[in-house]
Structure formats: C-alpha cells, structure tokens
Amino acid sequence: MPDNLSIQEKLRLSKETGFDYLEISIDETDEKLARLDYTKQELLKIKHAMEAESFHIKTMCLSAHRRYPLGSHEKSKRDKSIEIMGKALEFSGELGIRIIQLAGYDVYYEKSDEKSKEFFLENLRKVTDMAASYGIVLGFETMETEFMNTISKSMFYVKYINSPYLGIYPDIGNLKNACVLYNIDITKEINAGRGHIFAAHLKETAPGIFRNMDFGTGHTEYTTCIEKLLEQGVRMFTGEFWHQGEKNYREIIKNANEFLWNKVNEAMQRAKLTIHN
C-alpha cells in the first residue's frame, strides 16, 4: 500500500479488499524503524483505528535485523539488535500482536563465519527469553541467503534453543527457490517443521528473484504448500507483496486477495478441511 496512507486507511483498505488481518513491517529503513519509537499516544491512535475498523494488526515482520544483525561482529550492532527486539516486543505487546517474524540472518552485510554464528546463537537465546516474558512467539522466516533458506536449517536453531516461544514462520516463495537450488522436495521441507510452524508468508518468486513479482508469474507452489501446512494445523497465511507506485493499487490488492484465497480454498479441498473463523 502507498506510504502516504494512514494506518486507519491501510486497515480499512485491507478489510475492504478481503483480507483478515494486517501484518506490520519493521524493516531496516529509518522510516520503518521509527515505528518502534511511537509514543503511547501514537500507539493509542492505532488501537482506536483498529477498533473503529474492526480490523487488527496481528503479526509483525521484523526484518530490521538485516541492518543490525544478532550475529554482527560489531558489538554496537549486536547491542542495537537486542534493543530493536525489546522495542518490537513492547510495541507488539501494546497492540496485541501475537507473532513476530524473525529474519533468519546471522549477518547480512558482513561475512558469515563461526564467530557470527556463535554471536547469533548467544543473542537468539536472549531474544527468545525476552519474547517469552511478553507471551509473544518468534518465528524464523526462511530467507534468501545460505544461512537459513530452508526449514531444515531453521529447525537446527529451534531445537537448539528448545523454547515454545521460538518456531518458524516460513516464506514459501523463498523456500521454493532454495528447494530448486538444492534439488529437494518442498513438501519434505515443510514436513521438517511439523509442530513448530506458526504461520506462513505467501509470496511469488522465481529462481534468483525474491521480491516485487506479481502473483502467478513465478514458480511458488501455493496449493501444495498450503495443503501441507493445513495438515499440520497452520491457520495463518500472510500475502507478501509490494506497492511499486501503481495508481490502481486497490485493484492490485483485491486481485492478490482473490488469487491467494483461491489457492487456500484449493488446498482446503485437497486436505478435506474446513477453516472455522
């Protein structure tokens, strides 16, 4: 959605185009990071907007750790990563956000090595304990880098930390790219996370392309992936796509919703399930 829309306008637009909830983005840009410094009054305004529209922000995509990674070789950046997590949890606690999607990077702009992985594990335990104190779960996103581009790789860290507050929130588009790269079956990858997957991103990708694609133009296996996720008990699916300056953004959003719901309904029929709202 265009950045110039207010939160209330974004909530209303999401509802009117057929979605069930909104996911808020806290990415590495200064603009999105500033959301974590909203005052109590600004947060109250968002609460009132959610009440007015009878529509809620239920999840957060926290990709700011790309710029300030948990595994950075620089202590100042690691400290900042913990600070960001604390603010994200406080923000989420205030607004009733239940799931924070955590970017699966030890580092992004630095070279990954044994030290960065060691720092990552150390700080991952810290942020998981922080999340537990808020009763909010953290779910790894499967990313576009070697470090954590599959569910199997995510599960190593989930099992290592061994907390009910750390699981997986995979991106099935990114996952498809990894499965093509490694020549592995995507259904086996999804099954590798059984019992630990909280929700899933539905996004279009193609080999080597991870963003800004229209739904249906790539190779993401929506129906197959959703069916396997439904069989595991997953019931939250988030459409991930971007506004690229189009004036007909409302039509694009509505079409995206129809595309994704068609895939969900196909998967439900295959799995012989009925979702109860």
C-alpha atoms as a PDB file:
ATOM      1  CA  MET A   1       0.000   0.000   0.000  1.00  0.00           C
ATOM      2  CA  PRO A   2       1.205   3.560  -0.637  1.00  0.00           C
ATOM      3  CA  ASP A   3       3.175   5.003   2.265  1.00  0.00           C
ATOM      4  CA  ASN A   4       1.043   8.139   2.309  1.00  0.00           C
ATOM      5  CA  LEU A   5      -1.995   6.231   3.590  1.00  0.00           C
ATOM      6  CA  SER A   6      -2.671   6.483   7.323  1.00  0.00           C
ATOM      7  CA  ILE A   7      -2.753   3.347   9.470  1.00  0.00           C
ATOM      8  CA  GLN A   8      -6.546   3.583   9.620  1.00  0.00           C
ATOM      9  CA  GLU A   9      -6.757   3.877   5.827  1.00  0.00           C
ATOM     10  CA  LYS A  10      -4.492   0.831   5.465  1.00  0.00           C
ATOM     11  CA  LEU A  11      -6.624  -1.168   7.878  1.00  0.00           C
ATOM     12  CA  ARG A  12      -9.803  -0.178   6.029  1.00  0.00           C
ATOM     13  CA  LEU A  13      -8.294  -0.975   2.622  1.00  0.00           C
ATOM     14  CA  SER A  14      -7.096  -4.389   3.793  1.00  0.00           C
ATOM     15  CA  LYS A  15     -10.552  -5.217   5.129  1.00  0.00           C
ATOM     16  CA  GLU A  16     -12.393  -3.934   2.067  1.00  0.00           C
ATOM     17  CA  THR A  17     -10.215  -5.966  -0.309  1.00  0.00           C
ATOM     18  CA  GLY A  18     -10.929  -9.211   1.539  1.00  0.00           C
ATOM     19  CA  PHE A  19      -8.037  -9.762   3.948  1.00  0.00           C
ATOM     20  CA  ASP A  20      -8.478 -10.889   7.565  1.00  0.00           C
ATOM     21  CA  TYR A  21      -5.652  -9.025   9.277  1.00  0.00           C
ATOM     22  CA  LEU A  22      -2.695  -6.764   8.607  1.00  0.00           C
ATOM     23  CA  GLU A  23       0.981  -7.524   9.152  1.00  0.00           C
ATOM     24  CA  ILE A  24       3.110  -4.521  10.111  1.00  0.00           C
ATOM     25  CA  SER A  25       6.607  -4.209   8.692  1.00  0.00           C
ATOM     26  CA  ILE A  26       9.617  -3.120  10.713  1.00  0.00           C
ATOM     27  CA  ASP A  27      12.376  -3.262   8.147  1.00  0.00           C
ATOM     28  CA  GLU A  28      15.887  -1.805   8.138  1.00  0.00           C
ATOM     29  CA  THR A  29      14.888   1.658   6.863  1.00  0.00           C
ATOM     30  CA  ASP A  30      14.905   4.604   9.250  1.00  0.00           C
ATOM     31  CA  GLU A  31      11.257   5.236   8.380  1.00  0.00           C
ATOM     32  CA  LYS A  32      10.109   1.787   9.497  1.00  0.00           C
ATOM     33  CA  LEU A  33      12.463   1.628  12.489  1.00  0.00           C
ATOM     34  CA  ALA A  34      10.885   4.878  13.705  1.00  0.00           C
ATOM     35  CA  ARG A  35       7.650   2.970  14.246  1.00  0.00           C
ATOM     36  CA  LEU A  36       9.283   1.322  17.245  1.00  0.00           C
ATOM     37  CA  ASP A  37       9.625   4.746  18.870  1.00  0.00           C
ATOM     38  CA  TYR A  38       5.934   5.627  18.648  1.00  0.00           C
ATOM     39  CA  THR A  39       4.681   7.344  21.765  1.00  0.00           C
ATOM     40  CA  LYS A  40       1.895   5.959  23.950  1.00  0.00           C
ATOM     41  CA  GLN A  41      -0.428   8.458  22.274  1.00  0.00           C
ATOM     42  CA  GLU A  42       0.548   7.259  18.784  1.00  0.00           C
ATOM     43  CA  LEU A  43       0.032   3.632  19.800  1.00  0.00           C
ATOM     44  CA  LEU A  44      -3.334   4.544  21.293  1.00  0.00           C
ATOM     45  CA  LYS A  45      -4.278   6.115  17.962  1.00  0.00           C
ATOM     46  CA  ILE A  46      -3.521   2.800  16.239  1.00  0.00           C
ATOM     47  CA  LYS A  47      -5.614   0.934  18.813  1.00  0.00           C
ATOM     48  CA  HIS A  48      -8.516   3.278  18.191  1.00  0.00           C
ATOM     49  CA  ALA A  49      -8.111   2.804  14.428  1.00  0.00           C
ATOM     50  CA  MET A  50      -8.257  -0.986  14.828  1.00  0.00           C
ATOM     51  CA  GLU A  51     -11.373  -0.679  16.963  1.00  0.00           C
ATOM     52  CA  ALA A  52     -13.004   1.759  14.539  1.00  0.00           C
ATOM     53  CA  GLU A  53     -12.396  -0.543  11.571  1.00  0.00           C
ATOM     54  CA  SER A  54     -12.971  -3.818  13.482  1.00  0.00           C
ATOM     55  CA  PHE A  55      -9.737  -4.991  11.874  1.00  0.00           C
ATOM     56  CA  HIS A  56      -6.434  -5.769  13.538  1.00  0.00           C
ATOM     57  CA  ILE A  57      -2.678  -5.920  13.153  1.00  0.00           C
ATOM     58  CA  LYS A  58      -1.941  -9.474  14.271  1.00  0.00           C
ATOM     59  CA  THR A  59       1.633 -10.108  13.126  1.00  0.00           C
ATOM     60  CA  MET A  60       4.897  -8.232  12.643  1.00  0.00           C
ATOM     61  CA  CYS A  61       7.561  -8.797  10.001  1.00  0.00           C
ATOM     62  CA  LEU A  62      10.750  -7.743  11.793  1.00  0.00           C
ATOM     63  CA  SER A  63      13.459  -7.607   9.140  1.00  0.00           C
ATOM     64  CA  ALA A  64      15.404  -4.740  10.759  1.00  0.00           C
ATOM     65  CA  HIS A  65      17.997  -7.286  11.899  1.00  0.00           C
ATOM     66  CA  ARG A  66      19.273  -7.291   8.338  1.00  0.00           C
ATOM     67  CA  ARG A  67      20.917  -3.939   9.152  1.00  0.00           C
ATOM     68  CA  TYR A  68      21.548  -4.682  12.827  1.00  0.00           C
ATOM     69  CA  PRO A  69      22.046  -8.459  12.978  1.00  0.00           C
ATOM     70  CA  LEU A  70      22.099 -10.607  16.087  1.00  0.00           C
ATOM     71  CA  GLY A  71      25.366 -12.151  14.913  1.00  0.00           C
ATOM     72  CA  SER A  72      27.233  -8.997  13.902  1.00  0.00           C
ATOM     73  CA  HIS A  73      30.961  -8.870  14.541  1.00  0.00           C
ATOM     74  CA  GLU A  74      30.440  -5.321  15.849  1.00  0.00           C
ATOM     75  CA  LYS A  75      29.264  -5.187  19.455  1.00  0.00           C
ATOM     76  CA  SER A  76      27.430  -1.910  18.864  1.00  0.00           C
ATOM     77  CA  LYS A  77      25.306  -3.560  16.172  1.00  0.00           C
ATOM     78  CA  ARG A  78      24.616  -6.604  18.339  1.00  0.00           C
ATOM     79  CA  ASP A  79      23.541  -4.302  21.160  1.00  0.00           C
ATOM     80  CA  LYS A  80      21.301  -2.438  18.716  1.00  0.00           C
ATOM     81  CA  SER A  81      19.780  -5.739  17.573  1.00  0.00           C
ATOM     82  CA  ILE A  82      18.762  -6.532  21.152  1.00  0.00           C
ATOM     83  CA  GLU A  83      17.415  -3.018  21.630  1.00  0.00           C
ATOM     84  CA  ILE A  84      15.315  -3.371  18.462  1.00  0.00           C
ATOM     85  CA  MET A  85      13.931  -6.677  19.705  1.00  0.00           C
ATOM     86  CA  GLY A  86      12.973  -5.143  23.026  1.00  0.00           C
ATOM     87  CA  LYS A  87      11.164  -2.266  21.334  1.00  0.00           C
ATOM     88  CA  ALA A  88       9.439  -4.645  18.893  1.00  0.00           C
ATOM     89  CA  LEU A  89       8.143  -6.746  21.790  1.00  0.00           C
ATOM     90  CA  GLU A  90       6.900  -3.717  23.678  1.00  0.00           C
ATOM     91  CA  PHE A  91       5.216  -2.401  20.513  1.00  0.00           C
ATOM     92  CA  SER A  92       3.632  -5.797  19.868  1.00  0.00           C
ATOM     93  CA  GLY A  93       2.511  -6.168  23.459  1.00  0.00           C
ATOM     94  CA  GLU A  94       0.751  -2.805  23.325  1.00  0.00           C
ATOM     95  CA  LEU A  95      -1.115  -3.610  20.106  1.00  0.00           C
ATOM     96  CA  GLY A  96      -1.890  -7.275  20.764  1.00  0.00           C
ATOM     97  CA  ILE A  97       0.438  -8.605  18.056  1.00  0.00           C
ATOM     98  CA  ARG A  98       0.895 -12.340  18.624  1.00  0.00           C
ATOM     99  CA  ILE A  99       3.640 -13.397  16.226  1.00  0.00           C
ATOM    100  CA  ILE A 100       6.875 -11.673  15.257  1.00  0.00           C
ATOM    101  CA  GLN A 101       8.547 -12.997  12.142  1.00  0.00           C
ATOM    102  CA  LEU A 102      12.285 -13.023  12.729  1.00  0.00           C
ATOM    103  CA  ALA A 103      14.681 -12.698   9.794  1.00  0.00           C
ATOM    104  CA  GLY A 104      16.893 -15.787   9.555  1.00  0.00           C
ATOM    105  CA  TYR A 105      20.224 -13.988   9.219  1.00  0.00           C
ATOM    106  CA  ASP A 106      23.270 -14.302  11.443  1.00  0.00           C
ATOM    107  CA  VAL A 107      24.667 -11.393   9.401  1.00  0.00           C
ATOM    108  CA  TYR A 108      23.746  -9.889   6.044  1.00  0.00           C
ATOM    109  CA  TYR A 109      26.192  -7.137   5.069  1.00  0.00           C
ATOM    110  CA  GLU A 110      29.094  -8.897   6.807  1.00  0.00           C
ATOM    111  CA  LYS A 111      30.768 -12.229   6.121  1.00  0.00           C
ATOM    112  CA  SER A 112      29.127 -15.152   7.897  1.00  0.00           C
ATOM    113  CA  ASP A 113      31.607 -17.236   9.880  1.00  0.00           C
ATOM    114  CA  GLU A 114      31.864 -19.307  13.039  1.00  0.00           C
ATOM    115  CA  LYS A 115      32.056 -16.184  15.187  1.00  0.00           C
ATOM    116  CA  SER A 116      28.920 -14.622  13.690  1.00  0.00           C
ATOM    117  CA  LYS A 117      27.069 -17.916  14.209  1.00  0.00           C
ATOM    118  CA  GLU A 118      28.260 -18.026  17.812  1.00  0.00           C
ATOM    119  CA  PHE A 119      27.064 -14.467  18.437  1.00  0.00           C
ATOM    120  CA  PHE A 120      23.776 -15.293  16.713  1.00  0.00           C
ATOM    121  CA  LEU A 121      23.082 -18.257  18.992  1.00  0.00           C
ATOM    122  CA  GLU A 122      24.004 -16.277  22.092  1.00  0.00           C
ATOM    123  CA  ASN A 123      21.665 -13.424  21.220  1.00  0.00           C
ATOM    124  CA  LEU A 124      18.948 -15.712  19.883  1.00  0.00           C
ATOM    125  CA  ARG A 125      18.611 -17.199  23.349  1.00  0.00           C
ATOM    126  CA  LYS A 126      18.389 -13.707  24.822  1.00  0.00           C
ATOM    127  CA  VAL A 127      15.649 -12.517  22.479  1.00  0.00           C
ATOM    128  CA  THR A 128      13.689 -15.761  22.872  1.00  0.00           C
ATOM    129  CA  ASP A 129      13.688 -15.286  26.647  1.00  0.00           C
ATOM    130  CA  MET A 130      12.601 -11.689  26.125  1.00  0.00           C
ATOM    131  CA  ALA A 131       9.721 -12.822  23.900  1.00  0.00           C
ATOM    132  CA  ALA A 132       8.653 -15.401  26.480  1.00  0.00           C
ATOM    133  CA  SER A 133       8.266 -12.668  29.081  1.00  0.00           C
ATOM    134  CA  TYR A 134       5.727 -10.986  26.777  1.00  0.00           C
ATOM    135  CA  GLY A 135       3.978 -14.207  25.766  1.00  0.00           C
ATOM    136  CA  ILE A 136       4.784 -13.449  22.117  1.00  0.00           C
ATOM    137  CA  VAL A 137       6.213 -16.079  19.770  1.00  0.00           C
ATOM    138  CA  LEU A 138       9.107 -15.571  17.347  1.00  0.00           C
ATOM    139  CA  GLY A 139       9.046 -17.402  14.029  1.00  0.00           C
ATOM    140  CA  PHE A 140      12.032 -17.639  11.692  1.00  0.00           C
ATOM    141  CA  GLU A 141      11.481 -16.542   8.119  1.00  0.00           C
ATOM    142  CA  THR A 142      13.225 -18.725   5.567  1.00  0.00           C
ATOM    143  CA  MET A 143      15.470 -16.252   3.774  1.00  0.00           C
ATOM    144  CA  GLU A 144      17.365 -15.839   0.508  1.00  0.00           C
ATOM    145  CA  THR A 145      20.850 -16.490   1.914  1.00  0.00           C
ATOM    146  CA  GLU A 146      22.621 -19.786   2.578  1.00  0.00           C
ATOM    147  CA  PHE A 147      22.479 -19.345   6.351  1.00  0.00           C
ATOM    148  CA  MET A 148      18.768 -20.076   6.745  1.00  0.00           C
ATOM    149  CA  ASN A 149      16.993 -20.590   3.438  1.00  0.00           C
ATOM    150  CA  THR A 150      15.278 -23.857   4.356  1.00  0.00           C
ATOM    151  CA  ILE A 151      13.032 -25.066   7.147  1.00  0.00           C
ATOM    152  CA  SER A 152      15.555 -27.805   7.980  1.00  0.00           C
ATOM    153  CA  LYS A 153      18.181 -25.153   8.691  1.00  0.00           C
ATOM    154  CA  SER A 154      15.692 -23.190  10.797  1.00  0.00           C
ATOM    155  CA  MET A 155      14.906 -26.311  12.796  1.00  0.00           C
ATOM    156  CA  PHE A 156      18.523 -26.642  13.908  1.00  0.00           C
ATOM    157  CA  TYR A 157      18.192 -23.374  15.819  1.00  0.00           C
ATOM    158  CA  VAL A 158      14.652 -24.090  17.012  1.00  0.00           C
ATOM    159  CA  LYS A 159      15.800 -27.392  18.500  1.00  0.00           C
ATOM    160  CA  TYR A 160      18.950 -25.843  19.939  1.00  0.00           C
ATOM    161  CA  ILE A 161      17.051 -23.132  21.818  1.00  0.00           C
ATOM    162  CA  ASN A 162      14.230 -25.575  22.660  1.00  0.00           C
ATOM    163  CA  SER A 163      11.629 -22.995  23.690  1.00  0.00           C
ATOM    164  CA  PRO A 164       7.891 -22.881  22.933  1.00  0.00           C
ATOM    165  CA  TYR A 165       8.431 -19.209  22.053  1.00  0.00           C
ATOM    166  CA  LEU A 166      10.705 -19.899  19.075  1.00  0.00           C
ATOM    167  CA  GLY A 167       9.460 -21.559  15.905  1.00  0.00           C
ATOM    168  CA  ILE A 168       9.173 -20.999  12.182  1.00  0.00           C
ATOM    169  CA  TYR A 169       7.189 -18.557  10.041  1.00  0.00           C
ATOM    170  CA  PRO A 170       8.408 -19.649   6.592  1.00  0.00           C
ATOM    171  CA  ASP A 171       8.193 -17.793   3.315  1.00  0.00           C
ATOM    172  CA  ILE A 172       7.073 -20.417   0.810  1.00  0.00           C
ATOM    173  CA  GLY A 173       8.381 -18.367  -2.122  1.00  0.00           C
ATOM    174  CA  ASN A 174      11.870 -18.168  -0.665  1.00  0.00           C
ATOM    175  CA  LEU A 175      11.612 -21.822   0.287  1.00  0.00           C
ATOM    176  CA  LYS A 176      10.742 -22.804  -3.282  1.00  0.00           C
ATOM    177  CA  ASN A 177      13.878 -21.054  -4.546  1.00  0.00           C
ATOM    178  CA  ALA A 178      16.000 -22.955  -2.024  1.00  0.00           C
ATOM    179  CA  CYS A 179      14.390 -26.274  -2.941  1.00  0.00           C
ATOM    180  CA  VAL A 180      15.153 -25.678  -6.621  1.00  0.00           C
ATOM    181  CA  LEU A 181      18.728 -24.681  -5.733  1.00  0.00           C
ATOM    182  CA  TYR A 182      19.321 -27.828  -3.689  1.00  0.00           C
ATOM    183  CA  ASN A 183      17.058 -30.104  -5.759  1.00  0.00           C
ATOM    184  CA  ILE A 184      14.923 -31.120  -2.769  1.00  0.00           C
ATOM    185  CA  ASP A 185      11.188 -31.764  -2.368  1.00  0.00           C
ATOM    186  CA  ILE A 186       9.379 -28.777  -0.864  1.00  0.00           C
ATOM    187  CA  THR A 187       6.815 -30.985   0.883  1.00  0.00           C
ATOM    188  CA  LYS A 188       9.613 -32.755   2.758  1.00  0.00           C
ATOM    189  CA  GLU A 189      10.938 -29.356   3.816  1.00  0.00           C
ATOM    190  CA  ILE A 190       7.534 -28.307   5.135  1.00  0.00           C
ATOM    191  CA  ASN A 191       7.183 -31.609   6.978  1.00  0.00           C
ATOM    192  CA  ALA A 192      10.588 -30.973   8.592  1.00  0.00           C
ATOM    193  CA  GLY A 193       8.975 -28.163  10.595  1.00  0.00           C
ATOM    194  CA  ARG A 194       5.939 -30.113  11.754  1.00  0.00           C
ATOM    195  CA  GLY A 195       4.709 -28.877  15.112  1.00  0.00           C
ATOM    196  CA  HIS A 196       6.888 -25.765  15.005  1.00  0.00           C
ATOM    197  CA  ILE A 197       5.349 -23.664  12.215  1.00  0.00           C
ATOM    198  CA  PHE A 198       3.222 -20.738  13.419  1.00  0.00           C
ATOM    199  CA  ALA A 199       2.185 -19.125  10.124  1.00  0.00           C
ATOM    200  CA  ALA A 200       3.411 -18.749   6.536  1.00  0.00           C
ATOM    201  CA  HIS A 201       4.207 -15.997   4.065  1.00  0.00           C
ATOM    202  CA  LEU A 202       2.663 -16.487   0.632  1.00  0.00           C
ATOM    203  CA  LYS A 203       4.920 -14.759  -1.889  1.00  0.00           C
ATOM    204  CA  GLU A 204       5.764 -15.071  -5.558  1.00  0.00           C
ATOM    205  CA  THR A 205       9.355 -15.882  -6.519  1.00  0.00           C
ATOM    206  CA  ALA A 206      11.391 -17.231  -9.411  1.00  0.00           C
ATOM    207  CA  PRO A 207      14.932 -18.648  -9.429  1.00  0.00           C
ATOM    208  CA  GLY A 208      17.176 -15.899  -8.098  1.00  0.00           C
ATOM    209  CA  ILE A 209      14.270 -13.423  -7.746  1.00  0.00           C
ATOM    210  CA  PHE A 210      12.781 -12.825  -4.299  1.00  0.00           C
ATOM    211  CA  ARG A 211      10.797  -9.576  -4.465  1.00  0.00           C
ATOM    212  CA  ASN A 212       8.417  -7.391  -6.475  1.00  0.00           C
ATOM    213  CA  MET A 213       6.777 -10.137  -8.527  1.00  0.00           C
ATOM    214  CA  ASP A 214       3.082 -10.378  -9.376  1.00  0.00           C
ATOM    215  CA  PHE A 215       1.216 -13.387  -8.036  1.00  0.00           C
ATOM    216  CA  GLY A 216       1.018 -16.198 -10.571  1.00  0.00           C
ATOM    217  CA  THR A 217       4.039 -15.133 -12.615  1.00  0.00           C
ATOM    218  CA  GLY A 218       6.656 -17.261 -10.836  1.00  0.00           C
ATOM    219  CA  HIS A 219       7.041 -20.819  -9.592  1.00  0.00           C
ATOM    220  CA  THR A 220       5.775 -20.728  -5.982  1.00  0.00           C
ATOM    221  CA  GLU A 221       3.793 -23.910  -5.217  1.00  0.00           C
ATOM    222  CA  TYR A 222       0.938 -22.299  -3.307  1.00  0.00           C
ATOM    223  CA  THR A 223      -1.660 -25.053  -3.230  1.00  0.00           C
ATOM    224  CA  THR A 224       0.793 -27.842  -2.412  1.00  0.00           C
ATOM    225  CA  CYS A 225       2.486 -25.848   0.350  1.00  0.00           C
ATOM    226  CA  ILE A 226      -0.741 -24.569   1.891  1.00  0.00           C
ATOM    227  CA  GLU A 227      -2.212 -28.073   1.884  1.00  0.00           C
ATOM    228  CA  LYS A 228       0.772 -29.469   3.774  1.00  0.00           C
ATOM    229  CA  LEU A 229       0.690 -26.557   6.215  1.00  0.00           C
ATOM    230  CA  LEU A 230      -3.049 -27.002   6.819  1.00  0.00           C
ATOM    231  CA  GLU A 231      -2.450 -30.688   7.565  1.00  0.00           C
ATOM    232  CA  GLN A 232      -0.008 -29.572  10.283  1.00  0.00           C
ATOM    233  CA  GLY A 233      -2.584 -27.252  11.830  1.00  0.00           C
ATOM    234  CA  VAL A 234      -1.263 -23.962  10.443  1.00  0.00           C
ATOM    235  CA  ARG A 235      -4.125 -21.483  10.000  1.00  0.00           C
ATOM    236  CA  MET A 236      -2.474 -18.087   9.420  1.00  0.00           C
ATOM    237  CA  PHE A 237      -1.300 -17.176   5.926  1.00  0.00           C
ATOM    238  CA  THR A 238       0.049 -13.743   5.020  1.00  0.00           C
ATOM    239  CA  GLY A 239       0.201 -12.403   1.488  1.00  0.00           C
ATOM    240  CA  GLU A 240       3.507 -10.596   0.950  1.00  0.00           C
ATOM    241  CA  PHE A 241       3.705  -8.161  -1.964  1.00  0.00           C
ATOM    242  CA  TRP A 242       4.773  -4.572  -2.591  1.00  0.00           C
ATOM    243  CA  HIS A 243       3.381  -1.292  -3.834  1.00  0.00           C
ATOM    244  CA  GLN A 244       5.583  -0.185  -6.727  1.00  0.00           C
ATOM    245  CA  GLY A 245       3.987   3.165  -7.427  1.00  0.00           C
ATOM    246  CA  GLU A 246       0.899   1.853  -9.208  1.00  0.00           C
ATOM    247  CA  LYS A 247      -2.133   4.146  -9.161  1.00  0.00           C
ATOM    248  CA  ASN A 248      -4.526   1.177  -9.345  1.00  0.00           C
ATOM    249  CA  TYR A 249      -3.165  -0.291  -6.108  1.00  0.00           C
ATOM    250  CA  ARG A 250      -6.659  -1.047  -4.770  1.00  0.00           C
ATOM    251  CA  GLU A 251      -7.387  -3.266  -7.781  1.00  0.00           C
ATOM    252  CA  ILE A 252      -3.997  -4.971  -7.441  1.00  0.00           C
ATOM    253  CA  ILE A 253      -4.596  -5.703  -3.749  1.00  0.00           C
ATOM    254  CA  LYS A 254      -8.091  -7.053  -4.441  1.00  0.00           C
ATOM    255  CA  ASN A 255      -6.788  -9.286  -7.238  1.00  0.00           C
ATOM    256  CA  ALA A 256      -3.988 -10.548  -4.984  1.00  0.00           C
ATOM    257  CA  ASN A 257      -6.511 -11.436  -2.303  1.00  0.00           C
ATOM    258  CA  GLU A 258      -8.666 -13.349  -4.785  1.00  0.00           C
ATOM    259  CA  PHE A 259      -5.621 -15.194  -6.123  1.00  0.00           C
ATOM    260  CA  LEU A 260      -4.479 -16.231  -2.652  1.00  0.00           C
ATOM    261  CA  TRP A 261      -7.930 -17.217  -1.411  1.00  0.00           C
ATOM    262  CA  ASN A 262      -8.355 -19.408  -4.498  1.00  0.00           C
ATOM    263  CA  LYS A 263      -5.119 -21.181  -3.565  1.00  0.00           C
ATOM    264  CA  VAL A 264      -6.214 -21.568   0.067  1.00  0.00           C
ATOM    265  CA  ASN A 265      -9.613 -22.932  -0.984  1.00  0.00           C
ATOM    266  CA  GLU A 266      -7.984 -25.400  -3.396  1.00  0.00           C
ATOM    267  CA  ALA A 267      -5.681 -26.577  -0.607  1.00  0.00           C
ATOM    268  CA  MET A 268      -8.587 -26.901   1.827  1.00  0.00           C
ATOM    269  CA  GLN A 269     -10.465 -29.070  -0.659  1.00  0.00           C
ATOM    270  CA  ARG A 270      -7.419 -31.272  -1.176  1.00  0.00           C
ATOM    271  CA  ALA A 271      -6.896 -31.576   2.567  1.00  0.00           C
ATOM    272  CA  LYS A 272     -10.656 -32.045   3.084  1.00  0.00           C
ATOM    273  CA  LEU A 273     -10.652 -29.368   5.758  1.00  0.00           C
ATOM    274  CA  THR A 274     -12.931 -26.538   6.786  1.00  0.00           C
ATOM    275  CA  ILE A 275     -11.429 -23.468   8.442  1.00  0.00           C
ATOM    276  CA  HIS A 276     -13.561 -22.052  11.207  1.00  0.00           C
ATOM    277  CA  ASN A 277     -13.006 -18.304  11.671  1.00  0.00           C
END
